[in-house]
Amino acid sequence: QVQLVESGGGLVQAGGSLRLSCVASGISFSLYTMGWYRQAPGKQQELVASIYDSGSTNYADSEKGRFTISRDNAKNTVYLQMNRLQPEDTAVYYCNAKWVSRTFWGQGTRVTISS
């Protein structure tokens, strides 16, 4: 059974930082492209960042320079370090794993940024 379990969300003030973690089980983690998506209230889900099996990364323009995605294949874990958080970063953040035709999602972790 495949599981993606996110953690690290919470309530922080604007300008603060959070680090999200996503632990995967039931997949050959090192093969997968791992990504973080978010969905803000009343908005569509959007890609925040992704990291390929090679370690190459991709970021949405609004997160470049503030967020850093990384992975630890030995721990089957992907991280999202978020700095200089702003109220517009408030959303539920979802972990995603993709490999060929397979896609899996976590249950999400809520991030709330107060102004």
C-alpha atoms as a PDB file:
ATOM      1  CA  GLN A   1       0.000   0.000   0.000  1.00  0.00           C
ATOM      2  CA  VAL A   2       1.345   3.360  -1.023  1.00  0.00           C
ATOM      3  CA  GLN A   3       1.332   6.131   1.552  1.00  0.00           C
ATOM      4  CA  LEU A   4       2.548   9.693   1.439  1.00  0.00           C
ATOM      5  CA  VAL A   5       2.400  11.310   4.853  1.00  0.00           C
ATOM      6  CA  GLU A   6       2.981  15.036   5.145  1.00  0.00           C
ATOM      7  CA  SER A   7       3.877  16.893   8.303  1.00  0.00           C
ATOM      8  CA  GLY A   8       5.217  20.249   9.376  1.00  0.00           C
ATOM      9  CA  GLY A   9       2.316  22.533   8.630  1.00  0.00           C
ATOM     10  CA  GLY A  10       0.989  25.016  11.123  1.00  0.00           C
ATOM     11  CA  LEU A  11       0.340  28.649  11.934  1.00  0.00           C
ATOM     12  CA  VAL A  12       3.178  31.145  11.645  1.00  0.00           C
ATOM     13  CA  GLN A  13       3.461  34.885  11.343  1.00  0.00           C
ATOM     14  CA  ALA A  14       4.343  36.579   8.100  1.00  0.00           C
ATOM     15  CA  GLY A  15       8.075  36.519   7.527  1.00  0.00           C
ATOM     16  CA  GLY A  16       8.476  33.235   9.343  1.00  0.00           C
ATOM     17  CA  SER A  17       9.591  29.831   8.138  1.00  0.00           C
ATOM     18  CA  LEU A  18       8.295  26.286   8.048  1.00  0.00           C
ATOM     19  CA  ARG A  19       9.726  23.023   6.840  1.00  0.00           C
ATOM     20  CA  LEU A  20       7.317  20.479   5.429  1.00  0.00           C
ATOM     21  CA  SER A  21       8.180  16.810   5.251  1.00  0.00           C
ATOM     22  CA  CYS A  22       6.633  13.986   3.284  1.00  0.00           C
ATOM     23  CA  VAL A  23       7.513  10.397   4.064  1.00  0.00           C
ATOM     24  CA  ALA A  24       6.708   7.876   1.358  1.00  0.00           C
ATOM     25  CA  SER A  25       6.168   4.160   1.741  1.00  0.00           C
ATOM     26  CA  GLY A  26       5.204   1.436  -0.682  1.00  0.00           C
ATOM     27  CA  ILE A  27       7.075   2.923  -3.645  1.00  0.00           C
ATOM     28  CA  SER A  28      10.598   2.819  -5.024  1.00  0.00           C
ATOM     29  CA  PHE A  29      11.116   6.343  -3.823  1.00  0.00           C
ATOM     30  CA  SER A  30      14.352   7.099  -5.654  1.00  0.00           C
ATOM     31  CA  LEU A  31      12.666   6.542  -9.019  1.00  0.00           C
ATOM     32  CA  TYR A  32       9.901   9.047  -8.430  1.00  0.00           C
ATOM     33  CA  THR A  33       9.628  12.705  -9.196  1.00  0.00           C
ATOM     34  CA  MET A  34       8.435  14.244  -5.942  1.00  0.00           C
ATOM     35  CA  GLY A  35       6.479  17.441  -5.809  1.00  0.00           C
ATOM     36  CA  TRP A  36       4.730  19.827  -3.501  1.00  0.00           C
ATOM     37  CA  TYR A  37       1.435  21.348  -4.575  1.00  0.00           C
ATOM     38  CA  ARG A  38      -0.853  23.688  -2.714  1.00  0.00           C
ATOM     39  CA  GLN A  39      -4.457  24.692  -2.802  1.00  0.00           C
ATOM     40  CA  ALA A  40      -5.552  27.954  -1.255  1.00  0.00           C
ATOM     41  CA  PRO A  41      -9.177  28.573  -0.295  1.00  0.00           C
ATOM     42  CA  GLY A  42     -11.247  29.227  -3.396  1.00  0.00           C
ATOM     43  CA  LYS A  43      -8.319  28.646  -5.745  1.00  0.00           C
ATOM     44  CA  GLN A  44      -7.097  25.869  -7.982  1.00  0.00           C
ATOM     45  CA  GLN A  45      -4.344  23.573  -6.938  1.00  0.00           C
ATOM     46  CA  GLU A  46      -0.937  24.728  -8.138  1.00  0.00           C
ATOM     47  CA  LEU A  47       2.563  23.329  -8.305  1.00  0.00           C
ATOM     48  CA  VAL A  48       4.945  24.777  -5.741  1.00  0.00           C
ATOM     49  CA  ALA A  49       8.104  22.818  -6.471  1.00  0.00           C
ATOM     50  CA  SER A  50       9.271  19.483  -7.746  1.00  0.00           C
ATOM     51  CA  ILE A  51      12.453  17.433  -7.588  1.00  0.00           C
ATOM     52  CA  TYR A  52      13.378  14.760 -10.090  1.00  0.00           C
ATOM     53  CA  ASP A  53      15.077  11.460  -9.462  1.00  0.00           C
ATOM     54  CA  SER A  54      18.267  13.122 -10.659  1.00  0.00           C
ATOM     55  CA  GLY A  55      17.974  15.796  -7.982  1.00  0.00           C
ATOM     56  CA  SER A  56      17.159  18.552 -10.434  1.00  0.00           C
ATOM     57  CA  THR A  57      14.533  20.944  -9.155  1.00  0.00           C
ATOM     58  CA  ASN A  58      11.742  23.063 -10.549  1.00  0.00           C
ATOM     59  CA  TYR A  59       9.936  25.933  -8.835  1.00  0.00           C
ATOM     60  CA  ALA A  60       6.919  28.063  -9.478  1.00  0.00           C
ATOM     61  CA  ASP A  61       8.045  31.622 -10.192  1.00  0.00           C
ATOM     62  CA  SER A  62       6.465  33.025  -7.041  1.00  0.00           C
ATOM     63  CA  GLU A  63       8.457  30.635  -4.832  1.00  0.00           C
ATOM     64  CA  LYS A  64      11.875  30.989  -6.393  1.00  0.00           C
ATOM     65  CA  GLY A  65      14.338  32.215  -3.813  1.00  0.00           C
ATOM     66  CA  ARG A  66      11.989  31.637  -0.881  1.00  0.00           C
ATOM     67  CA  PHE A  67      11.296  27.904  -1.004  1.00  0.00           C
ATOM     68  CA  THR A  68      13.725  25.008  -1.324  1.00  0.00           C
ATOM     69  CA  ILE A  69      12.761  21.449  -2.159  1.00  0.00           C
ATOM     70  CA  SER A  70      15.079  18.582  -1.291  1.00  0.00           C
ATOM     71  CA  ARG A  71      14.958  14.853  -0.929  1.00  0.00           C
ATOM     72  CA  ASP A  72      16.635  12.167   1.135  1.00  0.00           C
ATOM     73  CA  ASN A  73      16.329   8.892  -0.718  1.00  0.00           C
ATOM     74  CA  ALA A  74      17.706   6.955   2.241  1.00  0.00           C
ATOM     75  CA  LYS A  75      14.758   8.192   4.322  1.00  0.00           C
ATOM     76  CA  ASN A  76      12.155   8.123   1.540  1.00  0.00           C
ATOM     77  CA  THR A  77      11.469  11.726   2.409  1.00  0.00           C
ATOM     78  CA  VAL A  78      10.996  14.940   0.498  1.00  0.00           C
ATOM     79  CA  TYR A  79      11.205  18.315   2.195  1.00  0.00           C
ATOM     80  CA  LEU A  80      10.001  21.803   1.448  1.00  0.00           C
ATOM     81  CA  GLN A  81      11.803  24.559   3.307  1.00  0.00           C
ATOM     82  CA  MET A  82       9.672  27.696   3.174  1.00  0.00           C
ATOM     83  CA  ASN A  83      11.139  31.039   4.181  1.00  0.00           C
ATOM     84  CA  ARG A  84       9.788  34.588   4.246  1.00  0.00           C
ATOM     85  CA  LEU A  85       6.266  33.257   4.323  1.00  0.00           C
ATOM     86  CA  GLN A  86       3.450  35.584   3.386  1.00  0.00           C
ATOM     87  CA  PRO A  87      -0.314  35.431   3.963  1.00  0.00           C
ATOM     88  CA  GLU A  88      -0.778  34.458   0.312  1.00  0.00           C
ATOM     89  CA  ASP A  89       1.138  31.261   1.056  1.00  0.00           C
ATOM     90  CA  THR A  90      -1.780  30.104   3.199  1.00  0.00           C
ATOM     91  CA  ALA A  91      -3.008  26.833   1.727  1.00  0.00           C
ATOM     92  CA  VAL A  92      -3.157  23.107   2.148  1.00  0.00           C
ATOM     93  CA  TYR A  93       0.119  21.677   0.885  1.00  0.00           C
ATOM     94  CA  TYR A  94       0.091  18.276  -0.771  1.00  0.00           C
ATOM     95  CA  CYS A  95       2.916  15.889  -1.461  1.00  0.00           C
ATOM     96  CA  ASN A  96       2.910  14.175  -4.856  1.00  0.00           C
ATOM     97  CA  ALA A  97       4.863  11.262  -6.281  1.00  0.00           C
ATOM     98  CA  LYS A  98       5.049  10.567 -10.010  1.00  0.00           C
ATOM     99  CA  TRP A  99       6.727   7.823 -12.039  1.00  0.00           C
ATOM    100  CA  VAL A 100       5.645   6.920 -15.574  1.00  0.00           C
ATOM    101  CA  SER A 101       1.849   6.478 -15.319  1.00  0.00           C
ATOM    102  CA  ARG A 102       1.770   6.258 -11.533  1.00  0.00           C
ATOM    103  CA  THR A 103       0.758   9.238  -9.422  1.00  0.00           C
ATOM    104  CA  PHE A 104       0.138   9.297  -5.702  1.00  0.00           C
ATOM    105  CA  TRP A 105      -0.976  12.021  -3.313  1.00  0.00           C
ATOM    106  CA  GLY A 106      -0.704  12.665   0.367  1.00  0.00           C
ATOM    107  CA  GLN A 107      -3.548  13.849   2.523  1.00  0.00           C
ATOM    108  CA  GLY A 108      -2.188  17.376   2.835  1.00  0.00           C
ATOM    109  CA  THR A 109      -0.886  19.566   5.607  1.00  0.00           C
ATOM    110  CA  ARG A 110      -2.357  22.965   6.349  1.00  0.00           C
ATOM    111  CA  VAL A 111      -0.190  26.074   6.375  1.00  0.00           C
ATOM    112  CA  THR A 112      -1.638  29.298   7.716  1.00  0.00           C
ATOM    113  CA  ILE A 113       0.280  32.555   7.641  1.00  0.00           C
ATOM    114  CA  SER A 114      -0.974  35.407   9.774  1.00  0.00           C
ATOM    115  CA  SER A 115      -0.296  39.020   8.857  1.00  0.00           C
END
